[in-house]
PDB file of N, CA and C in Angstrom:
ATOM      1  N   MET A   1      -7.622  18.467 -35.569  1.00  0.00           N
ATOM      2  CA  MET A   1      -7.798  17.061 -34.995  1.00  0.00           C
ATOM      3  C   MET A   1      -7.133  16.848 -33.664  1.00  0.00           C
ATOM      4  N   ARG A   2      -5.976  17.423 -33.522  1.00  0.00           N
ATOM      5  CA  ARG A   2      -5.239  17.396 -32.271  1.00  0.00           C
ATOM      6  C   ARG A   2      -6.045  18.027 -31.130  1.00  0.00           C
ATOM      7  N   ARG A   3      -6.649  19.198 -31.499  1.00  0.00           N
ATOM      8  CA  ARG A   3      -7.393  19.930 -30.434  1.00  0.00           C
ATOM      9  C   ARG A   3      -8.608  19.152 -30.049  1.00  0.00           C
ATOM     10  N   ALA A   4      -9.260  18.459 -30.957  1.00  0.00           N
ATOM     11  CA  ALA A   4     -10.456  17.595 -30.562  1.00  0.00           C
ATOM     12  C   ALA A   4      -9.941  16.554 -29.815  1.00  0.00           C
ATOM     13  N   ALA A   5      -8.867  15.955 -30.001  1.00  0.00           N
ATOM     14  CA  ALA A   5      -8.369  14.779 -29.148  1.00  0.00           C
ATOM     15  C   ALA A   5      -7.988  15.218 -27.772  1.00  0.00           C
ATOM     16  N   TRP A   6      -7.378  16.480 -27.759  1.00  0.00           N
ATOM     17  CA  TRP A   6      -7.052  17.064 -26.428  1.00  0.00           C
ATOM     18  C   TRP A   6      -8.200  17.322 -25.520  1.00  0.00           C
ATOM     19  N   LEU A   7      -9.184  17.938 -26.263  1.00  0.00           N
ATOM     20  CA  LEU A   7     -10.508  18.211 -25.479  1.00  0.00           C
ATOM     21  C   LEU A   7     -11.225  16.846 -25.110  1.00  0.00           C
ATOM     22  N   GLY A   8     -11.083  15.822 -25.853  1.00  0.00           N
ATOM     23  CA  GLY A   8     -11.695  14.572 -25.497  1.00  0.00           C
ATOM     24  C   GLY A   8     -10.995  14.080 -24.262  1.00  0.00           C
ATOM     25  N   LEU A   9      -9.678  14.158 -24.187  1.00  0.00           N
ATOM     26  CA  LEU A   9      -8.959  13.499 -22.991  1.00  0.00           C
ATOM     27  C   LEU A   9      -9.328  14.440 -21.685  1.00  0.00           C
ATOM     28  N   CYS A  10      -9.406  15.744 -21.924  1.00  0.00           N
ATOM     29  CA  CYS A  10      -9.685  16.503 -20.812  1.00  0.00           C
ATOM     30  C   CYS A  10     -11.132  16.229 -20.323  1.00  0.00           C
ATOM     31  N   GLY A  11     -11.813  16.000 -21.196  1.00  0.00           N
ATOM     32  CA  GLY A  11     -13.509  15.744 -20.802  1.00  0.00           C
ATOM     33  C   GLY A  11     -13.433  14.321 -20.154  1.00  0.00           C
ATOM     34  N   LEU A  12     -12.720  13.309 -20.582  1.00  0.00           N
ATOM     35  CA  LEU A  12     -12.611  12.125 -19.989  1.00  0.00           C
ATOM     36  C   LEU A  12     -12.142  12.187 -18.547  1.00  0.00           C
ATOM     37  N   GLY A  13     -10.982  13.014 -18.476  1.00  0.00           N
ATOM     38  CA  GLY A  13     -10.240  13.109 -17.144  1.00  0.00           C
ATOM     39  C   GLY A  13     -11.303  13.637 -16.140  1.00  0.00           C
ATOM     40  N   ALA A  14     -11.962  14.796 -16.652  1.00  0.00           N
ATOM     41  CA  ALA A  14     -12.997  15.356 -15.755  1.00  0.00           C
ATOM     42  C   ALA A  14     -14.114  14.295 -15.328  1.00  0.00           C
ATOM     43  N   LEU A  15     -14.555  13.484 -16.136  1.00  0.00           N
ATOM     44  CA  LEU A  15     -15.585  12.555 -15.843  1.00  0.00           C
ATOM     45  C   LEU A  15     -15.102  11.587 -14.824  1.00  0.00           C
ATOM     46  N   ALA A  16     -13.921  11.106 -15.081  1.00  0.00           N
ATOM     47  CA  ALA A  16     -13.219  10.195 -14.149  1.00  0.00           C
ATOM     48  C   ALA A  16     -13.032  10.684 -12.805  1.00  0.00           C
ATOM     49  N   GLY A  17     -12.550  11.857 -12.736  1.00  0.00           N
ATOM     50  CA  GLY A  17     -12.474  12.588 -11.425  1.00  0.00           C
ATOM     51  C   GLY A  17     -13.726  12.795 -10.652  1.00  0.00           C
ATOM     52  N   GLY A  18     -14.926  13.007 -11.387  1.00  0.00           N
ATOM     53  CA  GLY A  18     -16.161  13.104 -10.701  1.00  0.00           C
ATOM     54  C   GLY A  18     -16.766  11.839 -10.162  1.00  0.00           C
ATOM     55  N   CYS A  19     -16.208  10.742 -10.692  1.00  0.00           N
ATOM     56  CA  CYS A  19     -16.811   9.498 -10.469  1.00  0.00           C
ATOM     57  C   CYS A  19     -16.386   9.022  -8.913  1.00  0.00           C
ATOM     58  N   THR A  20     -15.279   9.521  -8.487  1.00  0.00           N
ATOM     59  CA  THR A  20     -14.832   9.021  -7.224  1.00  0.00           C
ATOM     60  C   THR A  20     -15.666   9.694  -5.958  1.00  0.00           C
ATOM     61  N   GLN A  21     -16.027   8.846  -5.058  1.00  0.00           N
ATOM     62  CA  GLN A  21     -16.978   9.352  -4.048  1.00  0.00           C
ATOM     63  C   GLN A  21     -16.170   9.529  -2.791  1.00  0.00           C
ATOM     64  N   SER A  22     -16.674  10.538  -2.143  1.00  0.00           N
ATOM     65  CA  SER A  22     -15.978  10.861  -0.740  1.00  0.00           C
ATOM     66  C   SER A  22     -16.449   9.869   0.166  1.00  0.00           C
ATOM     67  N   PRO A  23     -15.649   9.575   1.282  1.00  0.00           N
ATOM     68  CA  PRO A  23     -16.082   8.592   2.260  1.00  0.00           C
ATOM     69  C   PRO A  23     -17.465   8.958   2.971  1.00  0.00           C
ATOM     70  N   GLN A  24     -18.050   8.002   3.238  1.00  0.00           N
ATOM     71  CA  GLN A  24     -19.478   8.285   3.944  1.00  0.00           C
ATOM     72  C   GLN A  24     -19.590   7.573   5.293  1.00  0.00           C
ATOM     73  N   ASN A  25     -20.310   8.190   6.064  1.00  0.00           N
ATOM     74  CA  ASN A  25     -20.666   7.612   7.466  1.00  0.00           C
ATOM     75  C   ASN A  25     -21.500   6.324   7.240  1.00  0.00           C
ATOM     76  N   VAL A  26     -21.206   5.200   7.919  1.00  0.00           N
ATOM     77  CA  VAL A  26     -22.077   4.031   7.739  1.00  0.00           C
ATOM     78  C   VAL A  26     -22.459   3.466   8.975  1.00  0.00           C
ATOM     79  N   VAL A  27     -23.797   3.072   9.170  1.00  0.00           N
ATOM     80  CA  VAL A  27     -24.104   2.253  10.423  1.00  0.00           C
ATOM     81  C   VAL A  27     -23.655   0.912  10.205  1.00  0.00           C
ATOM     82  N   MET A  28     -22.834   0.485  11.042  1.00  0.00           N
ATOM     83  CA  MET A  28     -22.067  -0.881  11.020  1.00  0.00           C
ATOM     84  C   MET A  28     -23.008  -2.061  11.659  1.00  0.00           C
ATOM     85  N   ARG A  29     -23.405  -1.883  12.852  1.00  0.00           N
ATOM     86  CA  ARG A  29     -24.242  -2.642  13.661  1.00  0.00           C
ATOM     87  C   ARG A  29     -25.188  -1.862  14.446  1.00  0.00           C
ATOM     88  N   GLY A  30     -26.349  -2.472  14.783  1.00  0.00           N
ATOM     89  CA  GLY A  30     -27.279  -1.800  15.661  1.00  0.00           C
ATOM     90  C   GLY A  30     -28.289  -2.687  16.078  1.00  0.00           C
ATOM     91  N   SER A  31     -28.903  -2.190  17.342  1.00  0.00           N
ATOM     92  CA  SER A  31     -30.089  -3.004  17.919  1.00  0.00           C
ATOM     93  C   SER A  31     -30.998  -1.918  18.551  1.00  0.00           C
ATOM     94  N   ALA A  32     -31.883  -2.269  19.297  1.00  0.00           N
ATOM     95  CA  ALA A  32     -32.780  -1.407  20.070  1.00  0.00           C
ATOM     96  C   ALA A  32     -31.925  -0.791  21.117  1.00  0.00           C
ATOM     97  N   ASP A  33     -30.852  -1.481  21.495  1.00  0.00           N
ATOM     98  CA  ASP A  33     -30.100  -0.861  22.642  1.00  0.00           C
ATOM     99  C   ASP A  33     -28.967   0.084  22.387  1.00  0.00           C
ATOM    100  N   GLY A  34     -28.578   0.023  20.973  1.00  0.00           N
ATOM    101  CA  GLY A  34     -27.431   0.976  20.460  1.00  0.00           C
ATOM    102  C   GLY A  34     -27.106   0.676  19.097  1.00  0.00           C
ATOM    103  N   VAL A  35     -26.139   1.468  18.666  1.00  0.00           N
ATOM    104  CA  VAL A  35     -25.624   1.526  17.294  1.00  0.00           C
ATOM    105  C   VAL A  35     -24.150   1.796  17.307  1.00  0.00           C
ATOM    106  N   ILE A  36     -23.468   1.215  16.230  1.00  0.00           N
ATOM    107  CA  ILE A  36     -22.048   1.501  15.999  1.00  0.00           C
ATOM    108  C   ILE A  36     -22.005   2.190  14.620  1.00  0.00           C
ATOM    109  N   ILE A  37     -21.449   3.283  14.532  1.00  0.00           N
ATOM    110  CA  ILE A  37     -21.335   4.068  13.260  1.00  0.00           C
ATOM    111  C   ILE A  37     -19.998   4.177  12.766  1.00  0.00           C
ATOM    112  N   ASN A  38     -19.460   3.918  11.526  1.00  0.00           N
ATOM    113  CA  ASN A  38     -18.165   3.926  11.123  1.00  0.00           C
ATOM    114  C   ASN A  38     -18.062   5.412  10.455  1.00  0.00           C
ATOM    115  N   TYR A  39     -17.227   6.325  10.932  1.00  0.00           N
ATOM    116  CA  TYR A  39     -17.294   7.588  10.466  1.00  0.00           C
ATOM    117  C   TYR A  39     -15.928   8.077   9.959  1.00  0.00           C
ATOM    118  N   TYR A  40     -16.016   9.074   9.139  1.00  0.00           N
ATOM    119  CA  TYR A  40     -14.806   9.802   8.545  1.00  0.00           C
ATOM    120  C   TYR A  40     -14.968  11.337   8.875  1.00  0.00           C
ATOM    121  N   GLY A  41     -13.858  11.790   9.437  1.00  0.00           N
ATOM    122  CA  GLY A  41     -13.904  13.258   9.767  1.00  0.00           C
ATOM    123  C   GLY A  41     -14.529  13.581  11.085  1.00  0.00           C
ATOM    124  N   ASP A  42     -15.473  14.270  11.104  1.00  0.00           N
ATOM    125  CA  ASP A  42     -16.177  14.823  12.359  1.00  0.00           C
ATOM    126  C   ASP A  42     -17.277  13.867  12.911  1.00  0.00           C
ATOM    127  N   VAL A  43     -16.906  13.467  14.171  1.00  0.00           N
ATOM    128  CA  VAL A  43     -17.923  12.531  14.844  1.00  0.00           C
ATOM    129  C   VAL A  43     -19.289  13.131  14.919  1.00  0.00           C
ATOM    130  N   GLY A  44     -19.422  14.447  15.042  1.00  0.00           N
ATOM    131  CA  GLY A  44     -20.687  15.061  15.179  1.00  0.00           C
ATOM    132  C   GLY A  44     -21.690  14.905  13.834  1.00  0.00           C
ATOM    133  N   ALA A  45     -21.138  14.346  12.712  1.00  0.00           N
ATOM    134  CA  ALA A  45     -21.635  14.016  11.602  1.00  0.00           C
ATOM    135  C   ALA A  45     -22.493  12.775  11.759  1.00  0.00           C
ATOM    136  N   THR A  46     -22.087  11.924  12.746  1.00  0.00           N
ATOM    137  CA  THR A  46     -22.824  10.728  13.040  1.00  0.00           C
ATOM    138  C   THR A  46     -24.083  10.700  13.702  1.00  0.00           C
ATOM    139  N   LEU A  47     -24.333  11.864  14.382  1.00  0.00           N
ATOM    140  CA  LEU A  47     -25.666  12.068  15.235  1.00  0.00           C
ATOM    141  C   LEU A  47     -26.871  11.709  14.303  1.00  0.00           C
ATOM    142  N   PRO A  48     -27.082  12.418  13.083  1.00  0.00           N
ATOM    143  CA  PRO A  48     -28.332  12.217  12.244  1.00  0.00           C
ATOM    144  C   PRO A  48     -28.451  10.490  11.922  1.00  0.00           C
ATOM    145  N   LEU A  49     -27.501   9.934  11.747  1.00  0.00           N
ATOM    146  CA  LEU A  49     -27.636   8.410  11.565  1.00  0.00           C
ATOM    147  C   LEU A  49     -28.048   7.825  12.912  1.00  0.00           C
ATOM    148  N   ALA A  50     -27.457   8.149  13.877  1.00  0.00           N
ATOM    149  CA  ALA A  50     -27.886   7.567  15.161  1.00  0.00           C
ATOM    150  C   ALA A  50     -29.326   7.952  15.588  1.00  0.00           C
ATOM    151  N   ARG A  51     -29.798   9.022  15.263  1.00  0.00           N
ATOM    152  CA  ARG A  51     -31.136   9.507  15.413  1.00  0.00           C
ATOM    153  C   ARG A  51     -32.165   8.649  14.737  1.00  0.00           C
ATOM    154  N   GLN A  52     -31.740   8.452  13.324  1.00  0.00           N
ATOM    155  CA  GLN A  52     -32.501   7.755  12.531  1.00  0.00           C
ATOM    156  C   GLN A  52     -32.732   6.205  12.987  1.00  0.00           C
ATOM    157  N   HIS A  53     -31.521   5.723  13.601  1.00  0.00           N
ATOM    158  CA  HIS A  53     -31.594   4.396  13.898  1.00  0.00           C
ATOM    159  C   HIS A  53     -32.466   4.130  15.271  1.00  0.00           C
ATOM    160  N   CYS A  54     -32.060   4.906  16.098  1.00  0.00           N
ATOM    161  CA  CYS A  54     -32.793   4.859  17.456  1.00  0.00           C
ATOM    162  C   CYS A  54     -34.266   5.142  17.363  1.00  0.00           C
ATOM    163  N   ALA A  55     -34.644   5.971  16.581  1.00  0.00           N
ATOM    164  CA  ALA A  55     -35.978   6.372  16.342  1.00  0.00           C
ATOM    165  C   ALA A  55     -36.892   5.233  15.913  1.00  0.00           C
ATOM    166  N   GLN A  56     -36.299   4.248  15.307  1.00  0.00           N
ATOM    167  CA  GLN A  56     -36.991   3.006  14.912  1.00  0.00           C
ATOM    168  C   GLN A  56     -37.660   2.236  16.249  1.00  0.00           C
ATOM    169  N   TYR A  57     -36.920   2.532  17.195  1.00  0.00           N
ATOM    170  CA  TYR A  57     -37.333   1.879  18.557  1.00  0.00           C
ATOM    171  C   TYR A  57     -38.008   2.758  19.526  1.00  0.00           C
ATOM    172  N   GLU A  58     -38.271   4.098  19.092  1.00  0.00           N
ATOM    173  CA  GLU A  58     -38.838   5.205  19.875  1.00  0.00           C
ATOM    174  C   GLU A  58     -37.892   5.503  21.050  1.00  0.00           C
ATOM    175  N   ARG A  59     -36.674   5.542  20.592  1.00  0.00           N
ATOM    176  CA  ARG A  59     -35.590   5.971  21.599  1.00  0.00           C
ATOM    177  C   ARG A  59     -34.682   7.063  20.826  1.00  0.00           C
ATOM    178  N   VAL A  60     -33.871   7.565  21.701  1.00  0.00           N
ATOM    179  CA  VAL A  60     -32.976   8.686  21.272  1.00  0.00           C
ATOM    180  C   VAL A  60     -31.445   8.263  21.494  1.00  0.00           C
ATOM    181  N   PRO A  61     -30.498   8.726  20.753  1.00  0.00           N
ATOM    182  CA  PRO A  61     -29.186   8.362  20.841  1.00  0.00           C
ATOM    183  C   PRO A  61     -28.477   9.159  22.013  1.00  0.00           C
ATOM    184  N   VAL A  62     -27.615   8.489  22.671  1.00  0.00           N
ATOM    185  CA  VAL A  62     -26.635   9.028  23.631  1.00  0.00           C
ATOM    186  C   VAL A  62     -25.267   8.602  23.301  1.00  0.00           C
ATOM    187  N   LEU A  63     -24.393   9.367  22.970  1.00  0.00           N
ATOM    188  CA  LEU A  63     -23.003   8.990  22.620  1.00  0.00           C
ATOM    189  C   LEU A  63     -22.304   8.443  23.797  1.00  0.00           C
ATOM    190  N   HIS A  64     -21.914   7.263  23.616  1.00  0.00           N
ATOM    191  CA  HIS A  64     -21.153   6.456  24.661  1.00  0.00           C
ATOM    192  C   HIS A  64     -19.661   6.640  24.587  1.00  0.00           C
ATOM    193  N   GLU A  65     -19.002   6.324  23.322  1.00  0.00           N
ATOM    194  CA  GLU A  65     -17.607   6.437  23.285  1.00  0.00           C
ATOM    195  C   GLU A  65     -17.356   6.467  21.760  1.00  0.00           C
ATOM    196  N   THR A  66     -16.047   6.955  21.417  1.00  0.00           N
ATOM    197  CA  THR A  66     -15.560   6.981  20.087  1.00  0.00           C
ATOM    198  C   THR A  66     -14.195   6.173  20.177  1.00  0.00           C
ATOM    199  N   LYS A  67     -13.914   5.301  19.235  1.00  0.00           N
ATOM    200  CA  LYS A  67     -12.774   4.618  19.030  1.00  0.00           C
ATOM    201  C   LYS A  67     -12.399   4.440  17.670  1.00  0.00           C
ATOM    202  N   GLU A  68     -11.150   4.882  17.378  1.00  0.00           N
ATOM    203  CA  GLU A  68     -10.594   5.043  15.989  1.00  0.00           C
ATOM    204  C   GLU A  68     -11.587   5.760  15.160  1.00  0.00           C
ATOM    205  N   SER A  69     -12.267   4.981  14.280  1.00  0.00           N
ATOM    206  CA  SER A  69     -13.246   5.646  13.392  1.00  0.00           C
ATOM    207  C   SER A  69     -14.633   5.228  13.745  1.00  0.00           C
ATOM    208  N   ASN A  70     -14.927   4.667  14.918  1.00  0.00           N
ATOM    209  CA  ASN A  70     -16.219   4.143  15.098  1.00  0.00           C
ATOM    210  C   ASN A  70     -16.820   5.047  16.367  1.00  0.00           C
ATOM    211  N   ALA A  71     -18.044   5.381  16.146  1.00  0.00           N
ATOM    212  CA  ALA A  71     -18.897   5.949  17.266  1.00  0.00           C
ATOM    213  C   ALA A  71     -19.915   5.035  17.782  1.00  0.00           C
ATOM    214  N   VAL A  72     -20.090   4.934  19.077  1.00  0.00           N
ATOM    215  CA  VAL A  72     -20.760   4.039  19.684  1.00  0.00           C
ATOM    216  C   VAL A  72     -21.920   4.824  20.589  1.00  0.00           C
ATOM    217  N   TYR A  73     -23.219   4.599  20.135  1.00  0.00           N
ATOM    218  CA  TYR A  73     -24.222   5.317  20.852  1.00  0.00           C
ATOM    219  C   TYR A  73     -25.112   4.138  21.497  1.00  0.00           C
ATOM    220  N   PHE A  74     -25.679   4.573  22.593  1.00  0.00           N
ATOM    221  CA  PHE A  74     -26.820   3.958  23.322  1.00  0.00           C
ATOM    222  C   PHE A  74     -28.049   4.463  22.783  1.00  0.00           C
ATOM    223  N   CYS A  75     -28.916   3.676  22.632  1.00  0.00           N
ATOM    224  CA  CYS A  75     -30.352   4.016  22.335  1.00  0.00           C
ATOM    225  C   CYS A  75     -31.284   3.985  23.497  1.00  0.00           C
ATOM    226  N   VAL A  76     -31.762   5.150  24.061  1.00  0.00           N
ATOM    227  CA  VAL A  76     -32.379   5.185  25.430  1.00  0.00           C
ATOM    228  C   VAL A  76     -33.820   5.725  25.175  1.00  0.00           C
ATOM    229  N   ARG A  77     -34.805   5.417  26.048  1.00  0.00           N
ATOM    230  CA  ARG A  77     -36.045   5.925  26.035  1.00  0.00           C
ATOM    231  C   ARG A  77     -35.855   7.473  26.502  1.00  0.00           C
ATOM    232  N   PRO A  78     -36.722   8.229  25.871  1.00  0.00           N
ATOM    233  CA  PRO A  78     -36.640   9.705  26.316  1.00  0.00           C
ATOM    234  C   PRO A  78     -36.857   9.879  27.849  1.00  0.00           C
ATOM    235  N   GLY A  79     -35.871  10.694  28.500  1.00  0.00           N
ATOM    236  CA  GLY A  79     -36.016  10.994  29.746  1.00  0.00           C
ATOM    237  C   GLY A  79     -35.260   9.771  30.795  1.00  0.00           C
ATOM    238  N   GLU A  80     -34.814   8.747  30.211  1.00  0.00           N
ATOM    239  CA  GLU A  80     -33.960   7.664  30.951  1.00  0.00           C
ATOM    240  C   GLU A  80     -32.432   7.893  30.803  1.00  0.00           C
ATOM    241  N   GLU A  81     -31.694   7.496  31.621  1.00  0.00           N
ATOM    242  CA  GLU A  81     -30.195   7.567  31.488  1.00  0.00           C
ATOM    243  C   GLU A  81     -29.849   6.225  31.089  1.00  0.00           C
ATOM    244  N   PRO A  82     -28.780   6.030  30.239  1.00  0.00           N
ATOM    245  CA  PRO A  82     -28.329   4.783  29.779  1.00  0.00           C
ATOM    246  C   PRO A  82     -27.679   3.908  31.005  1.00  0.00           C
ATOM    247  N   ARG A  83     -27.832   2.722  30.882  1.00  0.00           N
ATOM    248  CA  ARG A  83     -27.414   1.837  31.966  1.00  0.00           C
ATOM    249  C   ARG A  83     -26.591   0.858  31.256  1.00  0.00           C
ATOM    250  N   PRO A  84     -25.215   1.209  31.183  1.00  0.00           N
ATOM    251  CA  PRO A  84     -24.450   0.105  30.452  1.00  0.00           C
ATOM    252  C   PRO A  84     -24.437  -1.328  31.193  1.00  0.00           C
ATOM    253  N   ALA A  85     -24.737  -1.313  32.315  1.00  0.00           N
ATOM    254  CA  ALA A  85     -24.584  -2.930  32.962  1.00  0.00           C
ATOM    255  C   ALA A  85     -25.778  -3.625  32.412  1.00  0.00           C
ATOM    256  N   THR A  86     -26.909  -3.127  31.968  1.00  0.00           N
ATOM    257  CA  THR A  86     -28.011  -3.810  31.393  1.00  0.00           C
ATOM    258  C   THR A  86     -28.084  -3.806  29.917  1.00  0.00           C
ATOM    259  N   LEU A  87     -27.023  -3.282  29.202  1.00  0.00           N
ATOM    260  CA  LEU A  87     -27.197  -3.397  27.683  1.00  0.00           C
ATOM    261  C   LEU A  87     -26.226  -4.471  27.363  1.00  0.00           C
ATOM    262  N   PRO A  88     -26.750  -5.169  26.322  1.00  0.00           N
ATOM    263  CA  PRO A  88     -26.056  -6.363  25.738  1.00  0.00           C
ATOM    264  C   PRO A  88     -24.896  -5.863  24.876  1.00  0.00           C
ATOM    265  N   GLN A  89     -23.663  -5.822  25.510  1.00  0.00           N
ATOM    266  CA  GLN A  89     -22.559  -5.315  24.706  1.00  0.00           C
ATOM    267  C   GLN A  89     -22.250  -6.135  23.488  1.00  0.00           C
ATOM    268  N   GLN A  90     -22.417  -7.511  23.534  1.00  0.00           N
ATOM    269  CA  GLN A  90     -22.054  -8.391  22.476  1.00  0.00           C
ATOM    270  C   GLN A  90     -22.850  -7.946  21.228  1.00  0.00           C
ATOM    271  N   SER A  91     -24.073  -7.485  21.410  1.00  0.00           N
ATOM    272  CA  SER A  91     -24.867  -7.040  20.196  1.00  0.00           C
ATOM    273  C   SER A  91     -24.352  -5.915  19.443  1.00  0.00           C
ATOM    274  N   LEU A  92     -23.474  -5.002  20.281  1.00  0.00           N
ATOM    275  CA  LEU A  92     -22.843  -3.821  19.566  1.00  0.00           C
ATOM    276  C   LEU A  92     -21.485  -3.990  19.098  1.00  0.00           C
ATOM    277  N   ARG A  93     -20.847  -4.973  19.536  1.00  0.00           N
ATOM    278  CA  ARG A  93     -19.417  -5.057  19.189  1.00  0.00           C
ATOM    279  C   ARG A  93     -19.248  -6.219  18.146  1.00  0.00           C
TER     280      ARG A  93
END
Protein backbone atom coordinates (compact mmCIF):
# COMPACT_ATOMS: atom_id res chain seq x y z
CA MET A 1 0.00 0.00 0.00
CA ARG A 2 2.73 2.46 0.92
CA ARG A 3 4.62 1.61 -2.25
CA ALA A 4 1.55 2.39 -4.36
CA ALA A 5 1.10 5.71 -2.57
CA TRP A 6 4.78 6.56 -3.09
CA LEU A 7 4.59 5.75 -6.81
CA GLY A 8 1.42 7.82 -7.09
CA LEU A 9 3.09 10.84 -5.50
CA CYS A 10 6.14 10.47 -7.72
CA GLY A 11 3.94 10.26 -10.80
CA LEU A 12 1.96 13.31 -9.75
CA GLY A 13 5.17 15.26 -9.17
CA ALA A 14 6.46 14.31 -12.61
CA LEU A 15 3.22 15.43 -14.25
CA ALA A 16 3.22 18.75 -12.39
CA GLY A 17 6.83 19.37 -13.39
CA GLY A 18 5.99 18.69 -17.02
CA CYS A 19 3.19 21.24 -17.02
CA THR A 20 5.47 24.23 -16.60
CA GLN A 21 6.25 25.96 -19.86
CA SER A 22 9.53 27.56 -20.72
CA PRO A 23 9.39 31.27 -21.63
CA GLN A 24 8.59 31.96 -25.26
CA ASN A 25 9.40 34.82 -27.61
CA VAL A 26 6.26 36.88 -28.33
CA VAL A 27 5.37 39.56 -30.88
CA MET A 28 4.23 42.52 -28.78
CA ARG A 29 3.36 45.13 -31.40
CA GLY A 30 3.77 45.45 -35.10
CA SER A 31 2.81 47.19 -38.29
CA ALA A 32 3.98 47.25 -41.89
CA ASP A 33 6.89 49.43 -40.74
CA GLY A 34 8.22 47.22 -37.97
CA VAL A 35 7.73 44.89 -35.05
CA ILE A 36 8.67 44.63 -31.37
CA ILE A 37 9.35 41.15 -30.04
CA ASN A 38 9.67 40.31 -26.35
CA TYR A 39 12.37 37.66 -26.06
CA TYR A 40 14.04 35.39 -23.53
CA GLY A 41 17.63 34.26 -23.94
CA ASP A 42 19.15 34.68 -27.39
CA VAL A 43 18.00 37.66 -29.46
CA GLY A 44 18.79 35.64 -32.60
CA ALA A 45 15.80 33.45 -31.84
CA THR A 46 13.51 36.42 -32.61
CA LEU A 47 14.44 36.53 -36.31
CA PRO A 48 11.95 33.84 -37.45
CA LEU A 49 9.10 35.74 -35.76
CA ALA A 50 10.24 39.01 -37.33
CA ARG A 51 10.46 37.36 -40.76
CA GLN A 52 6.96 35.94 -40.40
CA HIS A 53 5.56 39.32 -39.34
CA CYS A 54 7.27 41.36 -42.06
CA ALA A 55 6.42 38.80 -44.77
CA GLN A 56 2.74 39.73 -44.35
CA TYR A 57 3.66 43.08 -45.92
CA GLU A 58 6.09 41.64 -48.50
CA ARG A 59 8.99 43.05 -46.48
CA VAL A 60 12.03 41.72 -44.68
CA PRO A 61 13.16 42.45 -41.10
CA VAL A 62 16.20 44.55 -40.22
CA LEU A 63 17.22 44.55 -36.56
CA HIS A 64 17.17 48.14 -35.33
CA GLU A 65 17.89 47.79 -31.60
CA THR A 66 17.55 45.62 -28.54
CA LYS A 67 16.47 46.99 -25.18
CA GLU A 68 16.14 44.96 -21.99
CA SER A 69 14.17 41.99 -23.31
CA ASN A 70 12.75 43.58 -26.48
CA ALA A 71 14.05 43.38 -30.03
CA VAL A 72 12.92 46.11 -32.44
CA TYR A 73 12.96 45.32 -36.15
CA PHE A 74 12.17 47.56 -39.11
CA CYS A 75 10.22 45.92 -41.93
CA VAL A 76 11.70 47.10 -45.23
CA ARG A 77 11.11 46.28 -48.85
CA PRO A 78 13.80 43.97 -50.23
CA GLY A 79 16.75 46.00 -51.47
CA GLU A 80 15.81 49.17 -49.55
CA GLU A 81 17.58 50.60 -46.52
CA PRO A 82 15.48 51.43 -43.46
CA ARG A 83 14.83 55.13 -43.05
CA PRO A 84 14.13 55.78 -39.36
CA ALA A 85 13.03 59.37 -39.98
CA THR A 86 10.11 58.19 -42.12
CA LEU A 87 8.97 55.39 -39.83
CA PRO A 88 6.12 56.12 -37.42
CA GLN A 89 7.85 55.32 -34.14
CA GLN A 90 4.65 55.73 -32.15
CA SER A 91 3.22 52.63 -33.81
CA LEU A 92 6.16 50.57 -32.57
CA ARG A 93 6.49 51.78 -29.00
